[in-house]
Amino acid sequence: AGRQFRAVSTSFWLLATSFGSILIMIFEPAFDSAGMSNSTRGWAYSGIGLGGFFLYCLTSYYYTPRKLRPSINEAARLAKQAELTLTSQ
């Protein structure tokens, strides 16, 4: 990988790590107040991870690659062509 791509991938890694740390800062006080044991917390974090996995599966199922989607210019051209067809009739 090129130097710039490594920098981008590293920045995404650090972003994901900081997001995970923020989630732990949010969930830990709630787990403490609920009196959860360490094993129960482990299962809770596993459930959160599993939820993220299912969200990823759902978004990847409905994802359309950019080359298969019409571009903004193409969509505007098709809309204008359809409008001209309707007005000329």
N, C-alpha and C. Protein backbone atom coordinates (compact mmCIF):
# COMPACT_ATOMS: atom_id res chain seq x y z
N ALA A 1 0.84 -1.18 0.00
CA ALA A 1 0.00 0.00 0.00
C ALA A 1 0.88 1.24 0.00
N GLY A 2 0.37 2.27 -0.63
CA GLY A 2 1.11 3.51 -0.69
C GLY A 2 1.13 4.22 0.64
N ARG A 3 2.00 5.19 0.75
CA ARG A 3 2.15 5.92 2.00
C ARG A 3 0.86 6.65 2.39
N GLN A 4 0.20 7.28 1.42
CA GLN A 4 -1.01 8.03 1.73
C GLN A 4 -2.15 7.09 2.13
N PHE A 5 -2.24 5.94 1.48
CA PHE A 5 -3.30 5.00 1.85
C PHE A 5 -3.07 4.45 3.25
N ARG A 6 -1.83 4.22 3.61
CA ARG A 6 -1.54 3.76 4.98
C ARG A 6 -1.97 4.80 5.99
N ALA A 7 -1.75 6.08 5.66
CA ALA A 7 -2.16 7.14 6.58
C ALA A 7 -3.68 7.18 6.73
N VAL A 8 -4.40 7.00 5.63
CA VAL A 8 -5.86 7.01 5.68
C VAL A 8 -6.37 5.81 6.47
N SER A 9 -5.83 4.63 6.20
CA SER A 9 -6.29 3.44 6.91
C SER A 9 -5.95 3.52 8.40
N THR A 10 -4.81 4.09 8.74
CA THR A 10 -4.46 4.28 10.14
C THR A 10 -5.42 5.27 10.81
N SER A 11 -5.79 6.31 10.09
CA SER A 11 -6.72 7.28 10.68
C SER A 11 -8.09 6.66 10.93
N PHE A 12 -8.54 5.79 10.02
CA PHE A 12 -9.81 5.10 10.26
C PHE A 12 -9.70 4.13 11.44
N TRP A 13 -8.56 3.48 11.58
CA TRP A 13 -8.35 2.59 12.72
C TRP A 13 -8.42 3.38 14.03
N LEU A 14 -7.76 4.54 14.07
CA LEU A 14 -7.78 5.35 15.28
C LEU A 14 -9.18 5.91 15.55
N LEU A 15 -9.92 6.24 14.50
CA LEU A 15 -11.28 6.71 14.67
C LEU A 15 -12.17 5.63 15.26
N ALA A 16 -12.04 4.40 14.77
CA ALA A 16 -12.83 3.29 15.30
C ALA A 16 -12.45 3.00 16.75
N THR A 17 -11.18 3.07 17.07
CA THR A 17 -10.73 2.83 18.44
C THR A 17 -11.27 3.90 19.39
N SER A 18 -11.24 5.15 18.96
CA SER A 18 -11.76 6.21 19.82
C SER A 18 -13.28 6.10 19.98
N PHE A 19 -13.98 5.68 18.92
CA PHE A 19 -15.42 5.47 19.03
C PHE A 19 -15.72 4.36 20.03
N GLY A 20 -14.94 3.28 20.00
CA GLY A 20 -15.12 2.20 20.97
C GLY A 20 -14.85 2.65 22.39
N SER A 21 -13.85 3.48 22.57
CA SER A 21 -13.54 4.00 23.90
C SER A 21 -14.67 4.89 24.43
N ILE A 22 -15.26 5.67 23.53
CA ILE A 22 -16.38 6.52 23.94
C ILE A 22 -17.58 5.66 24.34
N LEU A 23 -17.82 4.59 23.59
CA LEU A 23 -18.92 3.69 23.95
C LEU A 23 -18.69 3.05 25.32
N ILE A 24 -17.47 2.67 25.61
CA ILE A 24 -17.17 2.09 26.92
C ILE A 24 -17.38 3.13 28.02
N MET A 25 -17.00 4.38 27.76
CA MET A 25 -17.23 5.43 28.75
C MET A 25 -18.71 5.64 29.00
N ILE A 26 -19.54 5.39 28.00
CA ILE A 26 -20.99 5.55 28.16
C ILE A 26 -21.59 4.34 28.88
N PHE A 27 -21.17 3.12 28.50
CA PHE A 27 -21.80 1.91 29.03
C PHE A 27 -21.32 1.51 30.41
N GLU A 28 -20.08 1.75 30.75
CA GLU A 28 -19.54 1.29 32.03
C GLU A 28 -20.29 1.84 33.24
N PRO A 29 -20.60 3.14 33.30
CA PRO A 29 -21.38 3.61 34.46
C PRO A 29 -22.75 2.94 34.56
N ALA A 30 -23.38 2.69 33.41
CA ALA A 30 -24.68 2.02 33.43
C ALA A 30 -24.53 0.59 33.92
N PHE A 31 -23.47 -0.08 33.51
CA PHE A 31 -23.24 -1.46 33.96
C PHE A 31 -22.92 -1.49 35.45
N ASP A 32 -22.17 -0.51 35.94
CA ASP A 32 -21.87 -0.43 37.37
C ASP A 32 -23.13 -0.22 38.20
N SER A 33 -23.98 0.70 37.74
CA SER A 33 -25.19 0.98 38.50
C SER A 33 -26.17 -0.19 38.47
N ALA A 34 -26.09 -1.03 37.42
CA ALA A 34 -26.95 -2.20 37.34
C ALA A 34 -26.38 -3.37 38.14
N GLY A 35 -25.14 -3.24 38.60
CA GLY A 35 -24.53 -4.30 39.40
C GLY A 35 -24.15 -5.53 38.58
N MET A 36 -23.74 -5.33 37.35
CA MET A 36 -23.40 -6.46 36.48
C MET A 36 -22.03 -7.02 36.83
N SER A 37 -21.90 -8.33 36.74
CA SER A 37 -20.60 -8.96 36.97
C SER A 37 -19.75 -8.82 35.69
N ASN A 38 -18.48 -9.15 35.81
CA ASN A 38 -17.58 -9.04 34.66
C ASN A 38 -18.00 -9.97 33.53
N SER A 39 -18.47 -11.16 33.85
CA SER A 39 -18.88 -12.08 32.79
C SER A 39 -20.14 -11.57 32.08
N THR A 40 -21.04 -10.96 32.83
CA THR A 40 -22.24 -10.40 32.21
C THR A 40 -21.88 -9.21 31.33
N ARG A 41 -20.91 -8.41 31.76
CA ARG A 41 -20.44 -7.30 30.93
C ARG A 41 -19.83 -7.83 29.64
N GLY A 42 -19.09 -8.91 29.73
CA GLY A 42 -18.50 -9.51 28.54
C GLY A 42 -19.57 -9.94 27.55
N TRP A 43 -20.63 -10.55 28.06
CA TRP A 43 -21.74 -10.94 27.18
C TRP A 43 -22.44 -9.72 26.60
N ALA A 44 -22.55 -8.67 27.39
CA ALA A 44 -23.19 -7.44 26.90
C ALA A 44 -22.37 -6.84 25.76
N TYR A 45 -21.06 -6.76 25.94
CA TYR A 45 -20.21 -6.23 24.87
C TYR A 45 -20.22 -7.14 23.65
N SER A 46 -20.31 -8.44 23.86
CA SER A 46 -20.42 -9.36 22.73
C SER A 46 -21.72 -9.13 21.97
N GLY A 47 -22.79 -8.87 22.70
CA GLY A 47 -24.07 -8.57 22.05
C GLY A 47 -24.03 -7.28 21.26
N ILE A 48 -23.33 -6.28 21.79
CA ILE A 48 -23.18 -5.02 21.07
C ILE A 48 -22.38 -5.26 19.78
N GLY A 49 -21.34 -6.04 19.88
CA GLY A 49 -20.55 -6.37 18.69
C GLY A 49 -21.34 -7.15 17.67
N LEU A 50 -22.17 -8.08 18.15
CA LEU A 50 -23.03 -8.85 17.25
C LEU A 50 -24.06 -7.95 16.58
N GLY A 51 -24.58 -6.99 17.30
CA GLY A 51 -25.49 -6.01 16.71
C GLY A 51 -24.82 -5.20 15.60
N GLY A 52 -23.58 -4.81 15.83
CA GLY A 52 -22.82 -4.11 14.80
C GLY A 52 -22.58 -4.98 13.58
N PHE A 53 -22.33 -6.27 13.81
CA PHE A 53 -22.15 -7.20 12.71
C PHE A 53 -23.42 -7.31 11.87
N PHE A 54 -24.57 -7.43 12.52
CA PHE A 54 -25.83 -7.53 11.78
C PHE A 54 -26.13 -6.23 11.03
N LEU A 55 -25.79 -5.09 11.62
CA LEU A 55 -25.97 -3.82 10.94
C LEU A 55 -25.08 -3.75 9.69
N TYR A 56 -23.85 -4.23 9.81
CA TYR A 56 -22.96 -4.28 8.66
C TYR A 56 -23.51 -5.21 7.58
N CYS A 57 -24.02 -6.36 7.97
CA CYS A 57 -24.59 -7.30 6.99
C CYS A 57 -25.78 -6.68 6.28
N LEU A 58 -26.61 -5.98 7.01
CA LEU A 58 -27.78 -5.35 6.42
C LEU A 58 -27.38 -4.26 5.42
N THR A 59 -26.43 -3.41 5.80
CA THR A 59 -26.01 -2.35 4.89
C THR A 59 -25.26 -2.90 3.70
N SER A 60 -24.48 -3.95 3.86
CA SER A 60 -23.76 -4.50 2.72
C SER A 60 -24.70 -5.24 1.77
N TYR A 61 -25.82 -5.76 2.27
CA TYR A 61 -26.78 -6.44 1.42
C TYR A 61 -27.46 -5.44 0.48
N TYR A 62 -27.78 -4.25 0.99
CA TYR A 62 -28.48 -3.25 0.20
C TYR A 62 -27.54 -2.28 -0.51
N TYR A 63 -26.25 -2.47 -0.38
CA TYR A 63 -25.28 -1.57 -1.01
C TYR A 63 -25.28 -1.78 -2.52
N THR A 64 -25.24 -0.68 -3.26
CA THR A 64 -25.11 -0.72 -4.71
C THR A 64 -23.79 -0.06 -5.08
N PRO A 65 -22.93 -0.78 -5.79
CA PRO A 65 -21.65 -0.16 -6.17
C PRO A 65 -21.86 1.09 -7.01
N ARG A 66 -20.94 2.00 -6.90
CA ARG A 66 -21.06 3.29 -7.56
C ARG A 66 -21.19 3.15 -9.08
N LYS A 67 -20.52 2.18 -9.67
CA LYS A 67 -20.56 2.04 -11.12
C LYS A 67 -21.93 1.56 -11.60
N LEU A 68 -22.72 0.96 -10.74
CA LEU A 68 -24.05 0.50 -11.12
C LEU A 68 -25.12 1.57 -10.88
N ARG A 69 -24.80 2.58 -10.08
CA ARG A 69 -25.74 3.67 -9.83
C ARG A 69 -25.55 4.74 -10.90
N PRO A 70 -26.61 5.39 -11.31
CA PRO A 70 -26.41 6.53 -12.23
C PRO A 70 -25.78 7.69 -11.47
N SER A 71 -24.90 8.40 -12.15
CA SER A 71 -24.29 9.56 -11.52
C SER A 71 -25.33 10.67 -11.38
N ILE A 72 -24.99 11.71 -10.66
CA ILE A 72 -25.91 12.82 -10.47
C ILE A 72 -26.21 13.47 -11.81
N ASN A 73 -25.18 13.64 -12.63
CA ASN A 73 -25.39 14.24 -13.95
C ASN A 73 -26.27 13.35 -14.82
N GLU A 74 -26.05 12.05 -14.77
CA GLU A 74 -26.84 11.11 -15.55
C GLU A 74 -28.29 11.12 -15.08
N ALA A 75 -28.50 11.15 -13.78
CA ALA A 75 -29.87 11.19 -13.24
C ALA A 75 -30.56 12.48 -13.64
N ALA A 76 -29.85 13.60 -13.62
CA ALA A 76 -30.44 14.88 -14.03
C ALA A 76 -30.76 14.86 -15.52
N ARG A 77 -29.87 14.27 -16.32
CA ARG A 77 -30.12 14.18 -17.76
C ARG A 77 -31.35 13.33 -18.04
N LEU A 78 -31.48 12.20 -17.36
CA LEU A 78 -32.64 11.33 -17.56
C LEU A 78 -33.93 12.01 -17.12
N ALA A 79 -33.88 12.77 -16.02
CA ALA A 79 -35.07 13.48 -15.55
C ALA A 79 -35.47 14.57 -16.54
N LYS A 80 -34.50 15.28 -17.08
CA LYS A 80 -34.80 16.32 -18.06
C LYS A 80 -35.36 15.71 -19.34
N GLN A 81 -34.80 14.57 -19.75
CA GLN A 81 -35.29 13.89 -20.95
C GLN A 81 -36.73 13.42 -20.74
N ALA A 82 -37.04 12.90 -19.57
CA ALA A 82 -38.40 12.47 -19.28
C ALA A 82 -39.35 13.66 -19.26
N GLU A 83 -38.91 14.79 -18.73
CA GLU A 83 -39.73 15.98 -18.69
C GLU A 83 -40.02 16.49 -20.11
N LEU A 84 -38.99 16.49 -20.96
CA LEU A 84 -39.18 16.93 -22.33
C LEU A 84 -40.12 16.00 -23.09
N THR A 85 -40.03 14.72 -22.80
CA THR A 85 -40.92 13.76 -23.45
C THR A 85 -42.36 14.00 -23.04
N LEU A 86 -42.60 14.31 -21.77
CA LEU A 86 -43.96 14.56 -21.30
C LEU A 86 -44.52 15.87 -21.86
N THR A 87 -43.68 16.91 -21.96
CA THR A 87 -44.18 18.20 -22.45
C THR A 87 -44.38 18.20 -23.96
N SER A 88 -43.67 17.37 -24.68
CA SER A 88 -43.80 17.36 -26.13
C SER A 88 -45.01 16.54 -26.60
N GLN A 89 -45.64 15.82 -25.71
CA GLN A 89 -46.79 14.99 -26.11
C GLN A 89 -48.06 15.74 -26.12
